[in-house]
């Protein structure tokens, strides 16, 4: 059973049973102009992030380039590890 397809060069329908192919080997898109549909673009408004307000709870504003010492992270890791091991001693194996 054959299906109707159109020749991209002539635009005529044919009953060859295959999809029309352009000379470059692509299947043509019917019903669109060469430029296609252009998306609507506009200026995006700047939205202030409420999490970056200076009065957010537990946020300490530091000068640019200031970083905490790596020893704080090492100490926190050791403290959490020891507390987990300490809590595990209460549960029998």
PDB file of N, CA and C in Angstrom:
ATOM      1  N   UNK A   1       0.846  -1.162   0.000  1.00  0.00           N
ATOM      2  CA  UNK A   1       0.000   0.000   0.000  1.00  0.00           C
ATOM      3  C   UNK A   1       0.894   1.229   0.000  1.00  0.00           C
ATOM      4  N   UNK A   2       0.691   2.112  -0.902  1.00  0.00           N
ATOM      5  CA  UNK A   2       1.550   3.291  -0.997  1.00  0.00           C
ATOM      6  C   UNK A   2       0.859   4.488  -0.362  1.00  0.00           C
ATOM      7  N   UNK A   3       1.675   5.425   0.078  1.00  0.00           N
ATOM      8  CA  UNK A   3       1.145   6.651   0.675  1.00  0.00           C
ATOM      9  C   UNK A   3       1.517   7.826  -0.202  1.00  0.00           C
ATOM     10  N   UNK A   4       0.770   8.897  -0.077  1.00  0.00           N
ATOM     11  CA  UNK A   4       1.041  10.082  -0.885  1.00  0.00           C
ATOM     12  C   UNK A   4       2.161  10.884  -0.253  1.00  0.00           C
ATOM     13  N   UNK A   5       3.069  11.376  -1.072  1.00  0.00           N
ATOM     14  CA  UNK A   5       4.130  12.263  -0.613  1.00  0.00           C
ATOM     15  C   UNK A   5       4.337  13.335  -1.662  1.00  0.00           C
ATOM     16  N   UNK A   6       4.964  14.418  -1.275  1.00  0.00           N
ATOM     17  CA  UNK A   6       5.143  15.516  -2.221  1.00  0.00           C
ATOM     18  C   UNK A   6       6.606  15.657  -2.599  1.00  0.00           C
ATOM     19  N   UNK A   7       6.831  16.087  -3.818  1.00  0.00           N
ATOM     20  CA  UNK A   7       8.178  16.338  -4.313  1.00  0.00           C
ATOM     21  C   UNK A   7       8.576  17.744  -3.867  1.00  0.00           C
ATOM     22  N   UNK A   8       9.705  17.903  -3.142  1.00  0.00           N
ATOM     23  CA  UNK A   8      10.056  19.227  -2.637  1.00  0.00           C
ATOM     24  C   UNK A   8      10.401  20.223  -3.742  1.00  0.00           C
ATOM     25  N   UNK A   9      10.824  19.730  -4.888  1.00  0.00           N
ATOM     26  CA  UNK A   9      11.179  20.652  -5.978  1.00  0.00           C
ATOM     27  C   UNK A   9       9.951  21.167  -6.707  1.00  0.00           C
ATOM     28  N   UNK A  10       8.944  20.320  -6.862  1.00  0.00           N
ATOM     29  CA  UNK A  10       7.757  20.731  -7.611  1.00  0.00           C
ATOM     30  C   UNK A  10       6.552  20.957  -6.722  1.00  0.00           C
ATOM     31  N   UNK A  11       6.547  20.374  -5.522  1.00  0.00           N
ATOM     32  CA  UNK A  11       5.405  20.507  -4.637  1.00  0.00           C
ATOM     33  C   UNK A  11       4.250  19.610  -5.024  1.00  0.00           C
ATOM     34  N   UNK A  12       4.436  18.728  -6.000  1.00  0.00           N
ATOM     35  CA  UNK A  12       3.376  17.845  -6.468  1.00  0.00           C
ATOM     36  C   UNK A  12       3.357  16.569  -5.629  1.00  0.00           C
ATOM     37  N   UNK A  13       2.164  16.049  -5.426  1.00  0.00           N
ATOM     38  CA  UNK A  13       2.024  14.792  -4.708  1.00  0.00           C
ATOM     39  C   UNK A  13       2.385  13.629  -5.610  1.00  0.00           C
ATOM     40  N   UNK A  14       3.005  12.625  -5.024  1.00  0.00           N
ATOM     41  CA  UNK A  14       3.312  11.411  -5.775  1.00  0.00           C
ATOM     42  C   UNK A  14       2.948  10.216  -4.908  1.00  0.00           C
ATOM     43  N   UNK A  15       2.744   9.089  -5.527  1.00  0.00           N
ATOM     44  CA  UNK A  15       2.379   7.876  -4.808  1.00  0.00           C
ATOM     45  C   UNK A  15       3.542   6.893  -4.800  1.00  0.00           C
ATOM     46  N   UNK A  16       4.723   7.359  -4.478  1.00  0.00           N
ATOM     47  CA  UNK A  16       5.897   6.491  -4.497  1.00  0.00           C
ATOM     48  C   UNK A  16       6.073   5.725  -3.197  1.00  0.00           C
ATOM     49  N   UNK A  17       5.447   6.171  -2.103  1.00  0.00           N
ATOM     50  CA  UNK A  17       5.552   5.438  -0.848  1.00  0.00           C
ATOM     51  C   UNK A  17       6.745   5.825  -0.008  1.00  0.00           C
ATOM     52  N   UNK A  18       7.423   6.897  -0.307  1.00  0.00           N
ATOM     53  CA  UNK A  18       8.551   7.323   0.515  1.00  0.00           C
ATOM     54  C   UNK A  18       8.402   8.806   0.851  1.00  0.00           C
ATOM     55  N   UNK A  19       9.120   9.231   1.875  1.00  0.00           N
ATOM     56  CA  UNK A  19       9.065  10.629   2.294  1.00  0.00           C
ATOM     57  C   UNK A  19       9.836  11.496   1.306  1.00  0.00           C
ATOM     58  N   UNK A  20       9.365  12.712   1.066  1.00  0.00           N
ATOM     59  CA  UNK A  20      10.112  13.594   0.175  1.00  0.00           C
ATOM     60  C   UNK A  20      11.428  14.011   0.825  1.00  0.00           C
ATOM     61  N   UNK A  21      12.449  14.120   0.014  1.00  0.00           N
ATOM     62  CA  UNK A  21      13.775  14.478   0.506  1.00  0.00           C
ATOM     63  C   UNK A  21      14.299  15.619  -0.348  1.00  0.00           C
ATOM     64  N   UNK A  22      14.923  16.598   0.292  1.00  0.00           N
ATOM     65  CA  UNK A  22      15.510  17.715  -0.443  1.00  0.00           C
ATOM     66  C   UNK A  22      16.812  17.260  -1.089  1.00  0.00           C
ATOM     67  N   UNK A  23      17.394  18.066  -1.985  1.00  0.00           N
ATOM     68  CA  UNK A  23      18.669  17.683  -2.598  1.00  0.00           C
ATOM     69  C   UNK A  23      19.793  17.485  -1.582  1.00  0.00           C
ATOM     70  N   UNK A  24      19.669  18.087  -0.386  1.00  0.00           N
ATOM     71  CA  UNK A  24      20.702  17.901   0.633  1.00  0.00           C
ATOM     72  C   UNK A  24      20.460  16.666   1.486  1.00  0.00           C
ATOM     73  N   UNK A  25      19.328  15.983   1.282  1.00  0.00           N
ATOM     74  CA  UNK A  25      19.052  14.765   2.026  1.00  0.00           C
ATOM     75  C   UNK A  25      18.176  14.973   3.239  1.00  0.00           C
ATOM     76  N   UNK A  26      17.682  16.187   3.454  1.00  0.00           N
ATOM     77  CA  UNK A  26      16.838  16.456   4.605  1.00  0.00           C
ATOM     78  C   UNK A  26      15.371  16.375   4.224  1.00  0.00           C
ATOM     79  N   UNK A  27      14.541  16.028   5.192  1.00  0.00           N
ATOM     80  CA  UNK A  27      13.101  16.017   4.964  1.00  0.00           C
ATOM     81  C   UNK A  27      12.614  17.455   5.099  1.00  0.00           C
ATOM     82  N   UNK A  28      11.905  17.984   4.105  1.00  0.00           N
ATOM     83  CA  UNK A  28      11.485  19.383   4.176  1.00  0.00           C
ATOM     84  C   UNK A  28      10.360  19.593   5.187  1.00  0.00           C
ATOM     85  N   UNK A  29      10.339  20.778   5.766  1.00  0.00           N
ATOM     86  CA  UNK A  29       9.277  21.160   6.691  1.00  0.00           C
ATOM     87  C   UNK A  29       8.280  21.973   5.894  1.00  0.00           C
ATOM     88  N   UNK A  30       7.041  21.508   5.863  1.00  0.00           N
ATOM     89  CA  UNK A  30       6.019  22.154   5.054  1.00  0.00           C
ATOM     90  C   UNK A  30       5.278  23.169   5.917  1.00  0.00           C
ATOM     91  N   UNK A  31       5.012  24.326   5.368  1.00  0.00           N
ATOM     92  CA  UNK A  31       4.192  25.310   6.049  1.00  0.00           C
ATOM     93  C   UNK A  31       4.960  26.335   6.849  1.00  0.00           C
ATOM     94  N   UNK A  32       6.281  26.335   6.826  1.00  0.00           N
ATOM     95  CA  UNK A  32       7.060  27.339   7.529  1.00  0.00           C
ATOM     96  C   UNK A  32       7.853  28.145   6.521  1.00  0.00           C
ATOM     97  N   UNK A  33       8.065  29.398   6.856  1.00  0.00           N
ATOM     98  CA  UNK A  33       8.893  30.233   5.999  1.00  0.00           C
ATOM     99  C   UNK A  33      10.352  29.895   6.239  1.00  0.00           C
ATOM    100  N   UNK A  34      11.212  30.437   5.401  1.00  0.00           N
ATOM    101  CA  UNK A  34      12.636  30.131   5.520  1.00  0.00           C
ATOM    102  C   UNK A  34      13.204  30.639   6.838  1.00  0.00           C
ATOM    103  N   UNK A  35      12.677  31.757   7.341  1.00  0.00           N
ATOM    104  CA  UNK A  35      13.185  32.320   8.585  1.00  0.00           C
ATOM    105  C   UNK A  35      12.680  31.606   9.818  1.00  0.00           C
ATOM    106  N   UNK A  36      11.536  30.975   9.710  1.00  0.00           N
ATOM    107  CA  UNK A  36      10.967  30.287  10.857  1.00  0.00           C
ATOM    108  C   UNK A  36      10.311  31.268  11.808  1.00  0.00           C
ATOM    109  N   UNK A  37       9.818  30.760  12.898  1.00  0.00           N
ATOM    110  CA  UNK A  37       9.162  31.585  13.900  1.00  0.00           C
ATOM    111  C   UNK A  37      10.221  32.083  14.870  1.00  0.00           C
ATOM    112  N   UNK A  38      10.262  33.386  15.067  1.00  0.00           N
ATOM    113  CA  UNK A  38      11.253  33.964  15.975  1.00  0.00           C
ATOM    114  C   UNK A  38      10.649  34.068  17.374  1.00  0.00           C
ATOM    115  N   UNK A  39      11.382  33.672  18.397  1.00  0.00           N
ATOM    116  CA  UNK A  39      10.857  33.778  19.759  1.00  0.00           C
ATOM    117  C   UNK A  39      10.798  35.234  20.208  1.00  0.00           C
ATOM    118  N   UNK A  40       9.893  35.502  21.113  1.00  0.00           N
ATOM    119  CA  UNK A  40       9.768  36.847  21.659  1.00  0.00           C
ATOM    120  C   UNK A  40      10.825  37.017  22.737  1.00  0.00           C
ATOM    121  N   UNK A  41      11.649  38.033  22.587  1.00  0.00           N
ATOM    122  CA  UNK A  41      12.685  38.300  23.580  1.00  0.00           C
ATOM    123  C   UNK A  41      12.445  39.674  24.175  1.00  0.00           C
ATOM    124  N   UNK A  42      12.733  39.808  25.432  1.00  0.00           N
ATOM    125  CA  UNK A  42      12.557  41.084  26.115  1.00  0.00           C
ATOM    126  C   UNK A  42      13.581  41.186  27.235  1.00  0.00           C
ATOM    127  N   UNK A  43      13.679  42.364  27.801  1.00  0.00           N
ATOM    128  CA  UNK A  43      14.583  42.587  28.919  1.00  0.00           C
ATOM    129  C   UNK A  43      14.047  41.851  30.137  1.00  0.00           C
ATOM    130  N   UNK A  44      14.896  41.099  30.811  1.00  0.00           N
ATOM    131  CA  UNK A  44      14.488  40.361  31.998  1.00  0.00           C
ATOM    132  C   UNK A  44      14.667  41.274  33.207  1.00  0.00           C
ATOM    133  N   UNK A  45      13.620  41.459  34.007  1.00  0.00           N
ATOM    134  CA  UNK A  45      13.766  42.351  35.165  1.00  0.00           C
ATOM    135  C   UNK A  45      14.646  41.713  36.237  1.00  0.00           C
ATOM    136  N   UNK A  46      15.403  42.544  36.930  1.00  0.00           N
ATOM    137  CA  UNK A  46      16.267  42.069  38.004  1.00  0.00           C
ATOM    138  C   UNK A  46      15.418  41.898  39.255  1.00  0.00           C
ATOM    139  N   UNK A  47      15.471  40.706  39.832  1.00  0.00           N
ATOM    140  CA  UNK A  47      14.684  40.403  41.021  1.00  0.00           C
ATOM    141  C   UNK A  47      15.646  40.270  42.195  1.00  0.00           C
ATOM    142  N   UNK A  48      15.363  40.993  43.264  1.00  0.00           N
ATOM    143  CA  UNK A  48      16.195  40.883  44.456  1.00  0.00           C
ATOM    144  C   UNK A  48      15.885  39.578  45.171  1.00  0.00           C
ATOM    145  N   UNK A  49      16.938  38.820  45.463  1.00  0.00           N
ATOM    146  CA  UNK A  49      16.781  37.551  46.159  1.00  0.00           C
ATOM    147  C   UNK A  49      16.607  37.828  47.651  1.00  0.00           C
ATOM    148  N   UNK A  50      15.472  37.421  48.250  1.00  0.00           N
ATOM    149  CA  UNK A  50      15.285  37.715  49.674  1.00  0.00           C
ATOM    150  C   UNK A  50      16.299  37.009  50.568  1.00  0.00           C
ATOM    151  N   UNK A  51      16.916  35.929  50.088  1.00  0.00           N
ATOM    152  CA  UNK A  51      17.912  35.234  50.902  1.00  0.00           C
ATOM    153  C   UNK A  51      19.212  36.014  50.989  1.00  0.00           C
ATOM    154  N   UNK A  52      19.383  37.040  50.171  1.00  0.00           N
ATOM    155  CA  UNK A  52      20.608  37.831  50.189  1.00  0.00           C
ATOM    156  C   UNK A  52      20.446  39.148  50.938  1.00  0.00           C
ATOM    157  N   UNK A  53      19.331  39.317  51.635  1.00  0.00           N
ATOM    158  CA  UNK A  53      19.151  40.528  52.430  1.00  0.00           C
ATOM    159  C   UNK A  53      20.139  40.522  53.587  1.00  0.00           C
ATOM    160  N   UNK A  54      20.597  41.676  54.037  1.00  0.00           N
ATOM    161  CA  UNK A  54      21.563  41.698  55.140  1.00  0.00           C
ATOM    162  C   UNK A  54      20.961  41.289  56.479  1.00  0.00           C
ATOM    163  N   UNK A  55      19.639  41.266  56.616  1.00  0.00           N
ATOM    164  CA  UNK A  55      19.031  40.939  57.899  1.00  0.00           C
ATOM    165  C   UNK A  55      18.559  39.487  57.979  1.00  0.00           C
ATOM    166  N   UNK A  56      19.029  38.625  57.101  1.00  0.00           N
ATOM    167  CA  UNK A  56      18.618  37.223  57.136  1.00  0.00           C
ATOM    168  C   UNK A  56      19.232  36.555  58.365  1.00  0.00           C
ATOM    169  N   UNK A  57      18.424  35.761  59.040  1.00  0.00           N
ATOM    170  CA  UNK A  57      18.861  35.100  60.263  1.00  0.00           C
ATOM    171  C   UNK A  57      20.050  34.170  59.996  1.00  0.00           C
ATOM    172  N   UNK A  58      21.039  34.203  60.863  1.00  0.00           N
ATOM    173  CA  UNK A  58      22.237  33.354  60.835  1.00  0.00           C
ATOM    174  C   UNK A  58      23.124  33.596  59.612  1.00  0.00           C
ATOM    175  N   UNK A  59      23.021  34.740  58.988  1.00  0.00           N
ATOM    176  CA  UNK A  59      23.917  35.043  57.869  1.00  0.00           C
ATOM    177  C   UNK A  59      24.875  36.135  58.330  1.00  0.00           C
ATOM    178  N   UNK A  60      26.137  35.837  58.221  1.00  0.00           N
ATOM    179  CA  UNK A  60      27.151  36.788  58.625  1.00  0.00           C
ATOM    180  C   UNK A  60      27.777  37.391  57.393  1.00  0.00           C
ATOM    181  N   UNK A  61      27.677  38.686  57.259  1.00  0.00           N
ATOM    182  CA  UNK A  61      28.256  39.355  56.097  1.00  0.00           C
ATOM    183  C   UNK A  61      29.747  39.545  56.322  1.00  0.00           C
ATOM    184  N   UNK A  62      30.535  39.009  55.397  1.00  0.00           N
ATOM    185  CA  UNK A  62      31.984  39.133  55.472  1.00  0.00           C
ATOM    186  C   UNK A  62      32.461  39.953  54.285  1.00  0.00           C
ATOM    187  N   UNK A  63      33.609  40.576  54.417  1.00  0.00           N
ATOM    188  CA  UNK A  63      34.120  41.338  53.278  1.00  0.00           C
ATOM    189  C   UNK A  63      34.455  40.403  52.120  1.00  0.00           C
ATOM    190  N   UNK A  64      34.425  40.905  50.895  1.00  0.00           N
ATOM    191  CA  UNK A  64      34.736  40.053  49.735  1.00  0.00           C
ATOM    192  C   UNK A  64      36.134  39.450  49.844  1.00  0.00           C
ATOM    193  N   UNK A  65      36.235  38.178  49.489  1.00  0.00           N
ATOM    194  CA  UNK A  65      37.519  37.482  49.531  1.00  0.00           C
ATOM    195  C   UNK A  65      37.802  36.813  50.862  1.00  0.00           C
ATOM    196  N   UNK A  66      36.959  37.026  51.872  1.00  0.00           N
ATOM    197  CA  UNK A  66      37.181  36.415  53.177  1.00  0.00           C
ATOM    198  C   UNK A  66      36.643  34.994  53.157  1.00  0.00           C
ATOM    199  N   UNK A  67      37.462  34.052  53.606  1.00  0.00           N
ATOM    200  CA  UNK A  67      37.044  32.658  53.691  1.00  0.00           C
ATOM    201  C   UNK A  67      37.338  32.144  55.085  1.00  0.00           C
ATOM    202  N   UNK A  68      36.510  31.201  55.545  1.00  0.00           N
ATOM    203  CA  UNK A  68      36.751  30.633  56.865  1.00  0.00           C
ATOM    204  C   UNK A  68      37.935  29.677  56.780  1.00  0.00           C
ATOM    205  N   UNK A  69      38.530  29.418  57.930  1.00  0.00           N
ATOM    206  CA  UNK A  69      39.664  28.510  57.982  1.00  0.00           C
ATOM    207  C   UNK A  69      39.198  27.078  57.713  1.00  0.00           C
ATOM    208  N   UNK A  70      40.039  26.306  57.058  1.00  0.00           N
ATOM    209  CA  UNK A  70      39.711  24.910  56.768  1.00  0.00           C
ATOM    210  C   UNK A  70      39.632  24.089  58.049  1.00  0.00           C
ATOM    211  N   UNK A  71      40.270  24.560  59.123  1.00  0.00           N
ATOM    212  CA  UNK A  71      40.253  23.817  60.374  1.00  0.00           C
ATOM    213  C   UNK A  71      38.853  23.763  60.980  1.00  0.00           C
ATOM    214  N   UNK A  72      38.005  24.753  60.696  1.00  0.00           N
ATOM    215  CA  UNK A  72      36.626  24.702  61.181  1.00  0.00           C
ATOM    216  C   UNK A  72      35.887  23.525  60.554  1.00  0.00           C
ATOM    217  N   UNK A  73      36.089  23.288  59.279  1.00  0.00           N
ATOM    218  CA  UNK A  73      35.425  22.168  58.601  1.00  0.00           C
ATOM    219  C   UNK A  73      35.985  20.833  59.086  1.00  0.00           C
ATOM    220  N   UNK A  74      37.292  20.779  59.310  1.00  0.00           N
ATOM    221  CA  UNK A  74      37.909  19.547  59.823  1.00  0.00           C
ATOM    222  C   UNK A  74      37.391  19.259  61.229  1.00  0.00           C
ATOM    223  N   UNK A  75      37.323  20.290  62.055  1.00  0.00           N
ATOM    224  CA  UNK A  75      36.808  20.126  63.414  1.00  0.00           C
ATOM    225  C   UNK A  75      35.351  19.701  63.427  1.00  0.00           C
ATOM    226  N   UNK A  76      34.544  20.263  62.535  1.00  0.00           N
ATOM    227  CA  UNK A  76      33.134  19.881  62.461  1.00  0.00           C
ATOM    228  C   UNK A  76      32.995  18.427  62.036  1.00  0.00           C
ATOM    229  N   UNK A  77      33.829  17.981  61.093  1.00  0.00           N
ATOM    230  CA  UNK A  77      33.787  16.591  60.649  1.00  0.00           C
ATOM    231  C   UNK A  77      34.144  15.648  61.797  1.00  0.00           C
ATOM    232  N   UNK A  78      35.192  15.987  62.533  1.00  0.00           N
ATOM    233  CA  UNK A  78      35.615  15.141  63.653  1.00  0.00           C
ATOM    234  C   UNK A  78      34.532  15.117  64.729  1.00  0.00           C
ATOM    235  N   UNK A  79      33.934  16.271  65.022  1.00  0.00           N
ATOM    236  CA  UNK A  79      32.903  16.332  66.063  1.00  0.00           C
ATOM    237  C   UNK A  79      31.679  15.506  65.678  1.00  0.00           C
ATOM    238  N   UNK A  80      31.238  15.613  64.447  1.00  0.00           N
ATOM    239  CA  UNK A  80      30.071  14.847  64.005  1.00  0.00           C
ATOM    240  C   UNK A  80      30.394  13.359  63.988  1.00  0.00           C
ATOM    241  N   UNK A  81      31.583  13.003  63.519  1.00  0.00           N
ATOM    242  CA  UNK A  81      31.972  11.585  63.480  1.00  0.00           C
ATOM    243  C   UNK A  81      32.011  10.991  64.885  1.00  0.00           C
ATOM    244  N   UNK A  82      32.614  11.723  65.831  1.00  0.00           N
ATOM    245  CA  UNK A  82      32.686  11.214  67.201  1.00  0.00           C
ATOM    246  C   UNK A  82      31.308  11.131  67.843  1.00  0.00           C
ATOM    247  N   UNK A  83      30.431  12.077  67.541  1.00  0.00           N
ATOM    248  CA  UNK A  83      29.088  12.011  68.125  1.00  0.00           C
ATOM    249  C   UNK A  83      28.294  10.846  67.541  1.00  0.00           C
ATOM    250  N   UNK A  84      28.465  10.550  66.260  1.00  0.00           N
ATOM    251  CA  UNK A  84      27.772   9.405  65.661  1.00  0.00           C
ATOM    252  C   UNK A  84      28.296   8.105  66.258  1.00  0.00           C
ATOM    253  N   UNK A  85      29.603   7.997  66.406  1.00  0.00           N
ATOM    254  CA  UNK A  85      30.182   6.788  67.010  1.00  0.00           C
ATOM    255  C   UNK A  85      29.730   6.665  68.463  1.00  0.00           C
ATOM    256  N   UNK A  86      29.681   7.791  69.172  1.00  0.00           N
ATOM    257  CA  UNK A  86      29.221   7.766  70.560  1.00  0.00           C
ATOM    258  C   UNK A  86      27.772   7.340  70.675  1.00  0.00           C
ATOM    259  N   UNK A  87      26.915   7.807  69.783  1.00  0.00           N
ATOM    260  CA  UNK A  87      25.514   7.406  69.815  1.00  0.00           C
ATOM    261  C   UNK A  87      25.327   5.952  69.408  1.00  0.00           C
ATOM    262  N   UNK A  88      26.200   5.445  68.548  1.00  0.00           N
ATOM    263  CA  UNK A  88      26.079   4.050  68.115  1.00  0.00           C
ATOM    264  C   UNK A  88      26.413   3.074  69.238  1.00  0.00           C
ATOM    265  N   UNK A  89      27.148   3.521  70.248  1.00  0.00           N
ATOM    266  CA  UNK A  89      27.482   2.613  71.352  1.00  0.00           C
ATOM    267  C   UNK A  89      26.256   2.290  72.197  1.00  0.00           C
ATOM    268  N   UNK A  90      25.202   3.117  72.098  1.00  0.00           N
ATOM    269  CA  UNK A  90      23.988   2.847  72.864  1.00  0.00           C
ATOM    270  C   UNK A  90      23.128   1.756  72.239  1.00  0.00           C
ATOM    271  N   UNK A  91      23.369   1.422  70.976  1.00  0.00           N
ATOM    272  CA  UNK A  91      22.566   0.411  70.291  1.00  0.00           C
ATOM    273  C   UNK A  91      23.378  -0.868  70.142  1.00  0.00           C
ATOM    274  N   UNK A  92      22.854  -1.987  70.662  1.00  0.00           N
ATOM    275  CA  UNK A  92      23.608  -3.240  70.530  1.00  0.00           C
ATOM    276  C   UNK A  92      23.606  -3.744  69.085  1.00  0.00           C
ATOM    277  N   UNK A  93      24.611  -4.506  68.771  1.00  0.00           N
ATOM    278  CA  UNK A  93      24.736  -5.044  67.420  1.00  0.00           C
ATOM    279  C   UNK A  93      23.787  -6.157  67.263  1.00  0.00           C
TER     280      UNK A  93
END
